[in-house]
Amino acid sequence: MTIGRQSTRPPGWAEALLRLSLKATDRDNVSGDLLEEYRRSIVPVRGKTAADWWYVRQVAGFVWRATWVWALAFSAPFLVRTAYDWLVPTTDFQLRAELSTYIGAATLLSIGLWGGWRSQSFAAGVVIAVVASQIAAVISVVGGGLLFALLDGPDVRQAIAGSGGLDEVFFLPFMMIIPALIVGSVGSAAASLGRRVLRT
């Protein structure tokens, strides 16, 4: 029974995600402690399936702590621009679009750089950027829904129709996974290169 328990492992993807979300200096200790608790305390009491769900929830907590500030930093400009588009209508969106694009790209680059530097792993920077973008998407959609509920009226509906419609508010944030993958990779590659340069 003990031998079987010692060979029991949580989902491999969850273990990998945990290790990518941790600082390089914490990776072995935290992942080892969590694995030990999973095997010794959780599997014997709850069984393998429930223990796996427990492990995934623990990993989600670590990922959340590693990404929530970045997710807020990425979603806040989107929500500010959405409110501005609705409250200060215009037909010329070029400056607003450029500004929000530069801010978004700079944030994703920073996330990838921070994630890659912190964990000393290229993959970690990319994963952190992608996860942060999708948490930001949820925040943006919820925030956009609240803005719509608070500001709804004929003038706001007309401004929404002239600024891309509600589709832009509720679906575009989830499409940010693609730039997060690309720009996060650039940031993480810069972190890897920076570490190599500093080591020489």
Protein backbone atom coordinates (compact mmCIF):
# COMPACT_ATOMS: atom_id res chain seq x y z
CA MET A 1 0.00 0.00 0.00
CA THR A 2 2.77 2.46 0.92
CA ILE A 3 4.74 1.60 -2.22
CA GLY A 4 1.65 2.27 -4.37
CA ARG A 5 1.04 5.55 -2.58
CA GLN A 6 4.66 6.66 -3.09
CA SER A 7 4.38 6.01 -6.83
CA THR A 8 1.05 7.86 -7.11
CA ARG A 9 1.39 11.13 -8.98
CA PRO A 10 -0.95 14.07 -9.55
CA PRO A 11 -1.78 15.09 -13.14
CA GLY A 12 1.46 15.75 -15.00
CA TRP A 13 0.20 18.97 -16.58
CA ALA A 14 -0.65 20.36 -13.13
CA GLU A 15 2.82 19.52 -11.80
CA ALA A 16 4.40 21.21 -14.82
CA LEU A 17 2.21 24.30 -14.43
CA LEU A 18 3.06 24.52 -10.73
CA ARG A 19 6.79 24.40 -11.43
CA LEU A 20 6.47 27.06 -14.15
CA SER A 21 4.57 29.41 -11.83
CA LEU A 22 7.14 29.29 -9.02
CA LYS A 23 10.36 31.21 -8.51
CA ALA A 24 13.38 29.14 -9.47
CA THR A 25 14.57 29.20 -5.84
CA ASP A 26 11.23 27.83 -4.57
CA ARG A 27 10.50 25.31 -7.29
CA ASP A 28 11.92 22.12 -5.77
CA ASN A 29 10.85 22.81 -2.18
CA VAL A 30 7.27 23.90 -2.90
CA SER A 31 6.56 21.26 -5.53
CA GLY A 32 8.15 18.58 -3.34
CA ASP A 33 6.16 19.60 -0.25
CA LEU A 34 2.91 19.69 -2.21
CA LEU A 35 3.61 16.27 -3.72
CA GLU A 36 4.39 14.84 -0.29
CA GLU A 37 1.16 16.21 1.18
CA TYR A 38 -0.76 14.87 -1.82
CA ARG A 39 0.68 11.38 -1.35
CA ARG A 40 0.71 11.13 2.46
CA SER A 41 -2.41 13.02 3.50
CA ILE A 42 -4.77 13.57 0.60
CA VAL A 43 -4.72 10.37 -1.50
CA PRO A 44 -5.23 7.98 1.47
CA VAL A 45 -8.20 9.97 2.78
CA ARG A 46 -9.90 11.15 -0.41
CA GLY A 47 -8.83 8.67 -3.07
CA LYS A 48 -6.95 9.36 -6.29
CA THR A 49 -9.60 11.31 -8.23
CA ALA A 50 -10.54 13.67 -5.39
CA ALA A 51 -6.85 14.07 -4.52
CA ASP A 52 -6.12 15.07 -8.10
CA TRP A 53 -8.80 17.77 -7.89
CA TRP A 54 -7.32 18.95 -4.60
CA TYR A 55 -3.89 19.18 -6.21
CA VAL A 56 -5.25 21.12 -9.20
CA ARG A 57 -6.92 23.61 -6.81
CA GLN A 58 -3.62 24.09 -4.97
CA VAL A 59 -1.82 24.69 -8.27
CA ALA A 60 -4.53 27.17 -9.31
CA GLY A 61 -3.81 29.11 -6.12
CA PHE A 62 -0.09 29.33 -6.92
CA VAL A 63 -0.82 30.35 -10.51
CA TRP A 64 -3.30 32.98 -9.33
CA ARG A 65 -0.77 34.47 -6.92
CA ALA A 66 1.81 34.62 -9.72
CA THR A 67 -0.50 36.28 -12.26
CA TRP A 68 -3.31 38.31 -10.67
CA VAL A 69 -1.42 41.62 -10.50
CA TRP A 70 -0.39 41.26 -14.15
CA ALA A 71 -3.94 40.32 -15.12
CA LEU A 72 -5.23 43.50 -13.48
CA ALA A 73 -2.50 45.55 -15.17
CA PHE A 74 -3.51 44.10 -18.54
CA SER A 75 -7.29 44.42 -18.11
CA ALA A 76 -7.38 47.90 -16.54
CA PRO A 77 -6.42 49.85 -19.71
CA PHE A 78 -8.98 47.84 -21.70
CA LEU A 79 -11.74 48.76 -19.25
CA VAL A 80 -10.65 52.41 -19.12
CA ARG A 81 -10.67 52.58 -22.91
CA THR A 82 -14.07 50.86 -23.07
CA ALA A 83 -15.57 53.38 -20.64
CA TYR A 84 -13.92 56.25 -22.51
CA ASP A 85 -15.22 55.01 -25.89
CA TRP A 86 -18.73 54.82 -24.47
CA LEU A 87 -18.69 58.13 -22.60
CA VAL A 88 -16.65 60.23 -25.07
CA PRO A 89 -17.79 58.98 -28.49
CA THR A 90 -15.71 59.68 -31.57
CA THR A 91 -15.35 58.47 -35.14
CA ASP A 92 -11.55 58.64 -35.09
CA PHE A 93 -10.24 55.76 -33.00
CA GLN A 94 -6.66 55.76 -34.33
CA LEU A 95 -4.98 57.45 -31.37
CA ARG A 96 -7.00 55.41 -28.85
CA ALA A 97 -6.23 52.18 -30.71
CA GLU A 98 -2.51 52.93 -30.95
CA LEU A 99 -2.27 53.88 -27.30
CA SER A 100 -4.13 50.80 -26.07
CA THR A 101 -2.07 48.57 -28.40
CA TYR A 102 1.23 49.95 -27.11
CA ILE A 103 0.14 49.67 -23.49
CA GLY A 104 -1.07 46.09 -24.02
CA ALA A 105 2.09 45.04 -25.85
CA ALA A 106 4.32 46.63 -23.21
CA THR A 107 2.40 44.85 -20.46
CA LEU A 108 2.62 41.45 -22.18
CA LEU A 109 6.33 41.99 -22.85
CA SER A 110 6.83 42.83 -19.18
CA ILE A 111 4.91 39.76 -18.06
CA GLY A 112 7.01 37.47 -20.25
CA LEU A 113 10.23 39.16 -19.11
CA TRP A 114 9.26 38.97 -15.43
CA GLY A 115 8.03 35.37 -15.65
CA GLY A 116 11.09 34.17 -17.52
CA TRP A 117 13.52 36.03 -15.24
CA ARG A 118 11.80 34.97 -12.01
CA SER A 119 11.64 31.30 -12.86
CA GLN A 120 14.79 31.12 -15.01
CA SER A 121 12.70 29.34 -17.63
CA PHE A 122 11.70 30.46 -21.12
CA ALA A 123 8.55 28.33 -20.97
CA ALA A 124 7.51 29.90 -17.66
CA GLY A 125 7.54 33.42 -19.09
CA VAL A 126 5.34 32.34 -21.99
CA VAL A 127 2.93 30.38 -19.79
CA ILE A 128 2.61 33.20 -17.24
CA ALA A 129 1.87 35.71 -20.04
CA VAL A 130 -0.77 33.44 -21.59
CA VAL A 131 -2.45 32.64 -18.27
CA ALA A 132 -2.40 36.29 -17.19
CA SER A 133 -4.00 37.30 -20.50
CA GLN A 134 -6.87 34.89 -19.99
CA ILE A 135 -7.45 35.90 -16.36
CA ALA A 136 -7.41 39.48 -17.65
CA ALA A 137 -9.98 38.47 -20.26
CA VAL A 138 -12.36 37.26 -17.57
CA ILE A 139 -11.80 40.46 -15.56
CA SER A 140 -12.37 42.55 -18.71
CA VAL A 141 -15.59 40.76 -19.62
CA VAL A 142 -16.99 41.03 -16.09
CA GLY A 143 -15.90 44.67 -15.91
CA GLY A 144 -17.39 45.39 -19.33
CA GLY A 145 -20.67 43.81 -18.26
CA LEU A 146 -20.75 45.95 -15.12
CA LEU A 147 -19.96 49.09 -17.13
CA PHE A 148 -22.78 48.27 -19.52
CA ALA A 149 -25.22 47.69 -16.65
CA LEU A 150 -24.21 50.98 -14.99
CA LEU A 151 -24.03 53.19 -18.07
CA ASP A 152 -26.74 51.70 -20.28
CA GLY A 153 -28.84 54.28 -22.09
CA PRO A 154 -29.60 55.45 -25.63
CA ASP A 155 -26.44 57.57 -25.95
CA VAL A 156 -24.22 54.80 -24.62
CA ARG A 157 -25.84 52.23 -26.92
CA GLN A 158 -25.19 54.50 -29.87
CA ALA A 159 -21.56 54.97 -28.76
CA ILE A 160 -21.19 51.19 -28.39
CA ALA A 161 -22.53 50.62 -31.90
CA GLY A 162 -20.06 53.18 -33.27
CA SER A 163 -17.05 51.79 -31.40
CA GLY A 164 -17.10 48.13 -32.37
CA GLY A 165 -20.18 46.84 -30.57
CA LEU A 166 -20.46 44.59 -27.56
CA ASP A 167 -18.68 41.76 -29.41
CA GLU A 168 -15.47 43.75 -29.02
CA VAL A 169 -16.01 43.95 -25.27
CA PHE A 170 -17.02 40.35 -24.65
CA PHE A 171 -14.97 38.36 -27.19
CA LEU A 172 -11.88 40.40 -28.05
CA PRO A 173 -10.27 39.97 -24.59
CA PHE A 174 -10.09 36.19 -25.07
CA MET A 175 -8.37 36.66 -28.43
CA MET A 176 -5.48 38.27 -26.56
CA ILE A 177 -4.13 34.76 -26.01
CA ILE A 178 -2.45 35.03 -29.43
CA PRO A 179 -0.49 38.27 -28.77
CA ALA A 180 0.23 36.99 -25.25
CA LEU A 181 1.86 33.91 -26.76
CA ILE A 182 3.91 35.93 -29.25
CA VAL A 183 4.86 38.97 -27.14
CA GLY A 184 5.25 36.89 -23.97
CA SER A 185 7.72 34.70 -25.87
CA VAL A 186 9.75 37.75 -26.86
CA GLY A 187 9.83 38.98 -23.25
CA SER A 188 10.79 35.58 -21.92
CA ALA A 189 13.50 35.19 -24.56
CA ALA A 190 14.87 38.59 -23.51
CA ALA A 191 14.95 37.37 -19.90
CA SER A 192 16.83 34.21 -20.92
CA LEU A 193 19.31 36.24 -22.97
CA GLY A 194 19.78 38.72 -20.12
CA ARG A 195 20.56 35.93 -17.67
CA ARG A 196 23.13 34.44 -20.04
CA VAL A 197 24.80 37.81 -20.55
CA LEU A 198 24.98 38.43 -16.80
CA ARG A 199 26.48 34.99 -16.19
CA THR A 200 29.38 35.64 -18.59
